[in-house]
């Protein structure tokens, strides 16, 4: 699970729950809210740091168009 954090007019992502079920910080990425480029960068960074590219993932999200676009760009 990955969640976003809003700081004024900006958004940063990073807090989440790992497979171990422990809360953790995956990192912080700064950008405008509802920004597909930020989501894409966050996911690509996680893949570069060891998230298995060969696994299948179930992605459950809210109605965020930016989140959907970022996920589709990385996992298609």
PDB file of N, CA and C in Angstrom:
ATOM      1  N   UNK A   1       0.842  -1.171   0.000  1.00  0.00           N
ATOM      2  CA  UNK A   1       0.000   0.000   0.000  1.00  0.00           C
ATOM      3  C   UNK A   1       0.884   1.229   0.000  1.00  0.00           C
ATOM      4  N   UNK A   2       0.532   2.175  -0.810  1.00  0.00           N
ATOM      5  CA  UNK A   2       1.231   3.460  -0.855  1.00  0.00           C
ATOM      6  C   UNK A   2       0.175   4.540  -0.710  1.00  0.00           C
ATOM      7  N   UNK A   3       0.497   5.553   0.028  1.00  0.00           N
ATOM      8  CA  UNK A   3      -0.434   6.647   0.235  1.00  0.00           C
ATOM      9  C   UNK A   3       0.278   7.951  -0.058  1.00  0.00           C
ATOM     10  N   UNK A   4      -0.474   8.985  -0.297  1.00  0.00           N
ATOM     11  CA  UNK A   4       0.097  10.297  -0.541  1.00  0.00           C
ATOM     12  C   UNK A   4      -0.054  11.194   0.672  1.00  0.00           C
ATOM     13  N   UNK A   5       0.809  12.182   0.755  1.00  0.00           N
ATOM     14  CA  UNK A   5       0.753  13.173   1.814  1.00  0.00           C
ATOM     15  C   UNK A   5       0.698  14.535   1.141  1.00  0.00           C
ATOM     16  N   UNK A   6      -0.175  15.384   1.611  1.00  0.00           N
ATOM     17  CA  UNK A   6      -0.285  16.722   1.042  1.00  0.00           C
ATOM     18  C   UNK A   6       0.363  17.734   1.963  1.00  0.00           C
ATOM     19  N   UNK A   7       1.207  18.577   1.385  1.00  0.00           N
ATOM     20  CA  UNK A   7       1.870  19.664   2.096  1.00  0.00           C
ATOM     21  C   UNK A   7       1.506  20.950   1.385  1.00  0.00           C
ATOM     22  N   UNK A   8       0.509  21.656   1.873  1.00  0.00           N
ATOM     23  CA  UNK A   8       0.088  22.877   1.196  1.00  0.00           C
ATOM     24  C   UNK A   8      -0.388  22.563  -0.210  1.00  0.00           C
ATOM     25  N   UNK A   9       0.242  23.160  -1.230  1.00  0.00           N
ATOM     26  CA  UNK A   9      -0.133  22.933  -2.623  1.00  0.00           C
ATOM     27  C   UNK A   9       0.631  21.814  -3.278  1.00  0.00           C
ATOM     28  N   UNK A  10       1.490  21.125  -2.526  1.00  0.00           N
ATOM     29  CA  UNK A  10       2.291  20.049  -3.102  1.00  0.00           C
ATOM     30  C   UNK A  10       1.863  18.712  -2.518  1.00  0.00           C
ATOM     31  N   UNK A  11       2.282  17.665  -3.190  1.00  0.00           N
ATOM     32  CA  UNK A  11       1.994  16.323  -2.692  1.00  0.00           C
ATOM     33  C   UNK A  11       3.281  15.529  -2.645  1.00  0.00           C
ATOM     34  N   UNK A  12       3.393  14.694  -1.656  1.00  0.00           N
ATOM     35  CA  UNK A  12       4.543  13.803  -1.558  1.00  0.00           C
ATOM     36  C   UNK A  12       4.032  12.418  -1.252  1.00  0.00           C
ATOM     37  N   UNK A  13       4.646  11.418  -1.823  1.00  0.00           N
ATOM     38  CA  UNK A  13       4.210  10.054  -1.568  1.00  0.00           C
ATOM     39  C   UNK A  13       5.252   9.326  -0.765  1.00  0.00           C
ATOM     40  N   UNK A  14       4.888   8.250  -0.192  1.00  0.00           N
ATOM     41  CA  UNK A  14       5.910   7.478   0.481  1.00  0.00           C
ATOM     42  C   UNK A  14       5.495   6.632   1.643  1.00  0.00           C
ATOM     43  N   UNK A  15       4.580   7.052   2.503  1.00  0.00           N
ATOM     44  CA  UNK A  15       4.234   6.164   3.603  1.00  0.00           C
ATOM     45  C   UNK A  15       3.414   4.994   3.074  1.00  0.00           C
ATOM     46  N   UNK A  16       3.593   3.841   3.650  1.00  0.00           N
ATOM     47  CA  UNK A  16       2.833   2.692   3.182  1.00  0.00           C
ATOM     48  C   UNK A  16       2.984   1.505   4.095  1.00  0.00           C
ATOM     49  N   UNK A  17       2.443   0.403   3.668  1.00  0.00           N
ATOM     50  CA  UNK A  17       2.536  -0.845   4.412  1.00  0.00           C
ATOM     51  C   UNK A  17       3.222  -1.853   3.509  1.00  0.00           C
ATOM     52  N   UNK A  18       4.299  -2.404   3.991  1.00  0.00           N
ATOM     53  CA  UNK A  18       5.072  -3.375   3.224  1.00  0.00           C
ATOM     54  C   UNK A  18       4.447  -4.763   3.351  1.00  0.00           C
ATOM     55  N   UNK A  19       4.980  -5.707   2.612  1.00  0.00           N
ATOM     56  CA  UNK A  19       4.482  -7.080   2.630  1.00  0.00           C
ATOM     57  C   UNK A  19       4.528  -7.679   4.036  1.00  0.00           C
ATOM     58  N   UNK A  20       5.451  -7.198   4.846  1.00  0.00           N
ATOM     59  CA  UNK A  20       5.581  -7.684   6.217  1.00  0.00           C
ATOM     60  C   UNK A  20       4.461  -7.173   7.129  1.00  0.00           C
ATOM     61  N   UNK A  21       3.581  -6.339   6.573  1.00  0.00           N
ATOM     62  CA  UNK A  21       2.471  -5.711   7.295  1.00  0.00           C
ATOM     63  C   UNK A  21       2.929  -4.628   8.261  1.00  0.00           C
ATOM     64  N   UNK A  22       4.160  -4.198   8.131  1.00  0.00           N
ATOM     65  CA  UNK A  22       4.672  -3.124   8.987  1.00  0.00           C
ATOM     66  C   UNK A  22       4.609  -1.811   8.233  1.00  0.00           C
ATOM     67  N   UNK A  23       4.254  -0.753   8.943  1.00  0.00           N
ATOM     68  CA  UNK A  23       4.269   0.571   8.340  1.00  0.00           C
ATOM     69  C   UNK A  23       5.714   0.954   8.048  1.00  0.00           C
ATOM     70  N   UNK A  24       5.918   1.585   6.926  1.00  0.00           N
ATOM     71  CA  UNK A  24       7.262   1.963   6.535  1.00  0.00           C
ATOM     72  C   UNK A  24       7.210   3.213   5.666  1.00  0.00           C
ATOM     73  N   UNK A  25       8.349   3.797   5.408  1.00  0.00           N
ATOM     74  CA  UNK A  25       8.457   4.911   4.465  1.00  0.00           C
ATOM     75  C   UNK A  25       9.191   4.408   3.243  1.00  0.00           C
ATOM     76  N   UNK A  26       8.531   4.452   2.116  1.00  0.00           N
ATOM     77  CA  UNK A  26       9.162   4.031   0.872  1.00  0.00           C
ATOM     78  C   UNK A  26      10.025   5.143   0.300  1.00  0.00           C
ATOM     79  N   UNK A  27       9.703   6.361   0.628  1.00  0.00           N
ATOM     80  CA  UNK A  27      10.426   7.516   0.122  1.00  0.00           C
ATOM     81  C   UNK A  27       9.491   8.696   0.039  1.00  0.00           C
ATOM     82  N   UNK A  28      10.024   9.816  -0.380  1.00  0.00           N
ATOM     83  CA  UNK A  28       9.214  11.024  -0.544  1.00  0.00           C
ATOM     84  C   UNK A  28       9.511  11.598  -1.921  1.00  0.00           C
ATOM     85  N   UNK A  29       8.471  11.834  -2.677  1.00  0.00           N
ATOM     86  CA  UNK A  29       8.587  12.422  -4.002  1.00  0.00           C
ATOM     87  C   UNK A  29       7.711  13.656  -4.021  1.00  0.00           C
ATOM     88  N   UNK A  30       8.264  14.768  -4.420  1.00  0.00           N
ATOM     89  CA  UNK A  30       7.524  16.024  -4.386  1.00  0.00           C
ATOM     90  C   UNK A  30       6.988  16.364  -5.763  1.00  0.00           C
ATOM     91  N   UNK A  31       5.779  16.908  -5.779  1.00  0.00           N
ATOM     92  CA  UNK A  31       5.184  17.350  -7.029  1.00  0.00           C
ATOM     93  C   UNK A  31       3.809  17.911  -6.770  1.00  0.00           C
ATOM     94  N   UNK A  32       3.203  18.386  -7.829  1.00  0.00           N
ATOM     95  CA  UNK A  32       1.857  18.938  -7.711  1.00  0.00           C
ATOM     96  C   UNK A  32       0.870  17.816  -7.394  1.00  0.00           C
ATOM     97  N   UNK A  33      -0.218  18.154  -6.768  1.00  0.00           N
ATOM     98  CA  UNK A  33      -1.230  17.142  -6.481  1.00  0.00           C
ATOM     99  C   UNK A  33      -1.814  16.633  -7.792  1.00  0.00           C
ATOM    100  N   UNK A  34      -2.282  15.405  -7.779  1.00  0.00           N
ATOM    101  CA  UNK A  34      -2.876  14.779  -8.956  1.00  0.00           C
ATOM    102  C   UNK A  34      -1.935  14.866 -10.160  1.00  0.00           C
ATOM    103  N   UNK A  35      -0.716  14.372  -9.995  1.00  0.00           N
ATOM    104  CA  UNK A  35       0.300  14.467 -11.029  1.00  0.00           C
ATOM    105  C   UNK A  35       0.779  13.070 -11.425  1.00  0.00           C
ATOM    106  N   UNK A  36       0.468  12.651 -12.654  1.00  0.00           N
ATOM    107  CA  UNK A  36       0.837  11.317 -13.131  1.00  0.00           C
ATOM    108  C   UNK A  36       2.349  11.143 -13.215  1.00  0.00           C
ATOM    109  N   UNK A  37       3.071  12.217 -13.492  1.00  0.00           N
ATOM    110  CA  UNK A  37       4.535  12.140 -13.586  1.00  0.00           C
ATOM    111  C   UNK A  37       5.146  11.775 -12.240  1.00  0.00           C
ATOM    112  N   UNK A  38       4.607  12.328 -11.158  1.00  0.00           N
ATOM    113  CA  UNK A  38       5.095  12.015  -9.817  1.00  0.00           C
ATOM    114  C   UNK A  38       4.802  10.555  -9.489  1.00  0.00           C
ATOM    115  N   UNK A  39       3.615  10.096  -9.789  1.00  0.00           N
ATOM    116  CA  UNK A  39       3.244   8.697  -9.530  1.00  0.00           C
ATOM    117  C   UNK A  39       4.149   7.762 -10.324  1.00  0.00           C
ATOM    118  N   UNK A  40       4.368   8.064 -11.576  1.00  0.00           N
ATOM    119  CA  UNK A  40       5.233   7.245 -12.431  1.00  0.00           C
ATOM    120  C   UNK A  40       6.648   7.195 -11.856  1.00  0.00           C
ATOM    121  N   UNK A  41       7.167   8.349 -11.439  1.00  0.00           N
ATOM    122  CA  UNK A  41       8.504   8.397 -10.852  1.00  0.00           C
ATOM    123  C   UNK A  41       8.608   7.593  -9.571  1.00  0.00           C
ATOM    124  N   UNK A  42       7.588   7.677  -8.735  1.00  0.00           N
ATOM    125  CA  UNK A  42       7.554   6.924  -7.479  1.00  0.00           C
ATOM    126  C   UNK A  42       7.599   5.428  -7.762  1.00  0.00           C
ATOM    127  N   UNK A  43       6.758   4.955  -8.675  1.00  0.00           N
ATOM    128  CA  UNK A  43       6.703   3.523  -8.984  1.00  0.00           C
ATOM    129  C   UNK A  43       7.984   3.039  -9.654  1.00  0.00           C
ATOM    130  N   UNK A  44       8.537   3.830 -10.557  1.00  0.00           N
ATOM    131  CA  UNK A  44       9.792   3.442 -11.212  1.00  0.00           C
ATOM    132  C   UNK A  44      10.934   3.375 -10.210  1.00  0.00           C
ATOM    133  N   UNK A  45      10.941   4.296  -9.253  1.00  0.00           N
ATOM    134  CA  UNK A  45      11.975   4.275  -8.218  1.00  0.00           C
ATOM    135  C   UNK A  45      11.869   3.009  -7.370  1.00  0.00           C
ATOM    136  N   UNK A  46      10.653   2.626  -7.010  1.00  0.00           N
ATOM    137  CA  UNK A  46      10.462   1.392  -6.232  1.00  0.00           C
ATOM    138  C   UNK A  46      10.932   0.172  -7.027  1.00  0.00           C
ATOM    139  N   UNK A  47      10.655   0.148  -8.318  1.00  0.00           N
ATOM    140  CA  UNK A  47      11.123  -0.957  -9.168  1.00  0.00           C
ATOM    141  C   UNK A  47      12.645  -0.973  -9.239  1.00  0.00           C
ATOM    142  N   UNK A  48      13.250   0.199  -9.378  1.00  0.00           N
ATOM    143  CA  UNK A  48      14.719   0.294  -9.435  1.00  0.00           C
ATOM    144  C   UNK A  48      15.370  -0.158  -8.132  1.00  0.00           C
ATOM    145  N   UNK A  49      14.636  -0.024  -7.020  1.00  0.00           N
ATOM    146  CA  UNK A  49      15.172  -0.409  -5.716  1.00  0.00           C
ATOM    147  C   UNK A  49      14.812  -1.841  -5.323  1.00  0.00           C
ATOM    148  N   UNK A  50      14.240  -2.609  -6.250  1.00  0.00           N
ATOM    149  CA  UNK A  50      14.060  -4.022  -5.958  1.00  0.00           C
ATOM    150  C   UNK A  50      12.646  -4.572  -6.017  1.00  0.00           C
ATOM    151  N   UNK A  51      11.643  -3.744  -6.241  1.00  0.00           N
ATOM    152  CA  UNK A  51      10.295  -4.279  -6.402  1.00  0.00           C
ATOM    153  C   UNK A  51      10.309  -5.177  -7.639  1.00  0.00           C
ATOM    154  N   UNK A  52       9.863  -6.401  -7.500  1.00  0.00           N
ATOM    155  CA  UNK A  52       9.971  -7.408  -8.545  1.00  0.00           C
ATOM    156  C   UNK A  52       9.130  -7.048  -9.770  1.00  0.00           C
ATOM    157  N   UNK A  53       9.797  -6.819 -10.885  1.00  0.00           N
ATOM    158  CA  UNK A  53       9.117  -6.460 -12.138  1.00  0.00           C
ATOM    159  C   UNK A  53       8.350  -7.635 -12.732  1.00  0.00           C
ATOM    160  N   UNK A  54       8.700  -8.854 -12.360  1.00  0.00           N
ATOM    161  CA  UNK A  54       8.080 -10.042 -12.934  1.00  0.00           C
ATOM    162  C   UNK A  54       6.810 -10.470 -12.198  1.00  0.00           C
ATOM    163  N   UNK A  55       6.595  -9.947 -10.999  1.00  0.00           N
ATOM    164  CA  UNK A  55       5.392 -10.312 -10.243  1.00  0.00           C
ATOM    165  C   UNK A  55       4.174  -9.610 -10.801  1.00  0.00           C
ATOM    166  N   UNK A  56       3.038 -10.201 -10.545  1.00  0.00           N
ATOM    167  CA  UNK A  56       1.771  -9.551 -10.872  1.00  0.00           C
ATOM    168  C   UNK A  56       1.289  -8.836  -9.620  1.00  0.00           C
ATOM    169  N   UNK A  57       0.713  -7.663  -9.801  1.00  0.00           N
ATOM    170  CA  UNK A  57       0.248  -6.865  -8.670  1.00  0.00           C
ATOM    171  C   UNK A  57      -1.219  -6.518  -8.843  1.00  0.00           C
ATOM    172  N   UNK A  58      -1.936  -6.574  -7.760  1.00  0.00           N
ATOM    173  CA  UNK A  58      -3.308  -6.105  -7.726  1.00  0.00           C
ATOM    174  C   UNK A  58      -3.243  -4.655  -7.278  1.00  0.00           C
ATOM    175  N   UNK A  59      -3.709  -3.758  -8.117  1.00  0.00           N
ATOM    176  CA  UNK A  59      -3.665  -2.334  -7.803  1.00  0.00           C
ATOM    177  C   UNK A  59      -5.084  -1.871  -7.524  1.00  0.00           C
ATOM    178  N   UNK A  60      -5.321  -1.427  -6.312  1.00  0.00           N
ATOM    179  CA  UNK A  60      -6.616  -0.906  -5.903  1.00  0.00           C
ATOM    180  C   UNK A  60      -6.410   0.561  -5.597  1.00  0.00           C
ATOM    181  N   UNK A  61      -7.234   1.410  -6.185  1.00  0.00           N
ATOM    182  CA  UNK A  61      -7.029   2.850  -6.002  1.00  0.00           C
ATOM    183  C   UNK A  61      -8.352   3.583  -5.921  1.00  0.00           C
ATOM    184  N   UNK A  62      -8.237   4.828  -5.495  1.00  0.00           N
ATOM    185  CA  UNK A  62      -9.426   5.674  -5.470  1.00  0.00           C
ATOM    186  C   UNK A  62      -9.657   6.209  -6.888  1.00  0.00           C
ATOM    187  N   UNK A  63     -10.396   7.239  -7.041  1.00  0.00           N
ATOM    188  CA  UNK A  63     -10.735   7.765  -8.364  1.00  0.00           C
ATOM    189  C   UNK A  63      -9.693   8.677  -8.979  1.00  0.00           C
ATOM    190  N   UNK A  64      -8.485   8.696  -8.443  1.00  0.00           N
ATOM    191  CA  UNK A  64      -7.438   9.586  -8.934  1.00  0.00           C
ATOM    192  C   UNK A  64      -7.033   9.252 -10.364  1.00  0.00           C
ATOM    193  N   UNK A  65      -7.254  10.189 -11.273  1.00  0.00           N
ATOM    194  CA  UNK A  65      -6.855   9.993 -12.670  1.00  0.00           C
ATOM    195  C   UNK A  65      -5.330   9.944 -12.796  1.00  0.00           C
ATOM    196  N   UNK A  66      -4.640  10.729 -11.979  1.00  0.00           N
ATOM    197  CA  UNK A  66      -3.175  10.751 -12.024  1.00  0.00           C
ATOM    198  C   UNK A  66      -2.594   9.422 -11.566  1.00  0.00           C
ATOM    199  N   UNK A  67      -3.149   8.859 -10.520  1.00  0.00           N
ATOM    200  CA  UNK A  67      -2.672   7.572 -10.026  1.00  0.00           C
ATOM    201  C   UNK A  67      -2.900   6.485 -11.077  1.00  0.00           C
ATOM    202  N   UNK A  68      -4.058   6.487 -11.658  1.00  0.00           N
ATOM    203  CA  UNK A  68      -4.367   5.500 -12.702  1.00  0.00           C
ATOM    204  C   UNK A  68      -3.396   5.632 -13.878  1.00  0.00           C
ATOM    205  N   UNK A  69      -3.158   6.846 -14.334  1.00  0.00           N
ATOM    206  CA  UNK A  69      -2.265   7.073 -15.476  1.00  0.00           C
ATOM    207  C   UNK A  69      -0.841   6.637 -15.140  1.00  0.00           C
ATOM    208  N   UNK A  70      -0.360   6.955 -13.947  1.00  0.00           N
ATOM    209  CA  UNK A  70       0.990   6.563 -13.543  1.00  0.00           C
ATOM    210  C   UNK A  70       1.144   5.060 -13.470  1.00  0.00           C
ATOM    211  N   UNK A  71       0.179   4.384 -12.889  1.00  0.00           N
ATOM    212  CA  UNK A  71       0.222   2.922 -12.772  1.00  0.00           C
ATOM    213  C   UNK A  71       0.196   2.296 -14.175  1.00  0.00           C
ATOM    214  N   UNK A  72      -0.648   2.792 -15.030  1.00  0.00           N
ATOM    215  CA  UNK A  72      -0.727   2.240 -16.387  1.00  0.00           C
ATOM    216  C   UNK A  72       0.571   2.435 -17.160  1.00  0.00           C
ATOM    217  N   UNK A  73       1.219   3.573 -16.997  1.00  0.00           N
ATOM    218  CA  UNK A  73       2.491   3.821 -17.690  1.00  0.00           C
ATOM    219  C   UNK A  73       3.595   2.885 -17.241  1.00  0.00           C
ATOM    220  N   UNK A  74       3.601   2.521 -15.975  1.00  0.00           N
ATOM    221  CA  UNK A  74       4.676   1.700 -15.428  1.00  0.00           C
ATOM    222  C   UNK A  74       4.390   0.211 -15.587  1.00  0.00           C
ATOM    223  N   UNK A  75       3.166  -0.216 -15.396  1.00  0.00           N
ATOM    224  CA  UNK A  75       2.856  -1.646 -15.360  1.00  0.00           C
ATOM    225  C   UNK A  75       2.191  -2.194 -16.607  1.00  0.00           C
ATOM    226  N   UNK A  76       2.242  -1.520 -17.709  1.00  0.00           N
ATOM    227  CA  UNK A  76       1.691  -2.058 -18.969  1.00  0.00           C
ATOM    228  C   UNK A  76       2.734  -2.771 -19.727  1.00  0.00           C
TER     229      UNK A  76
END
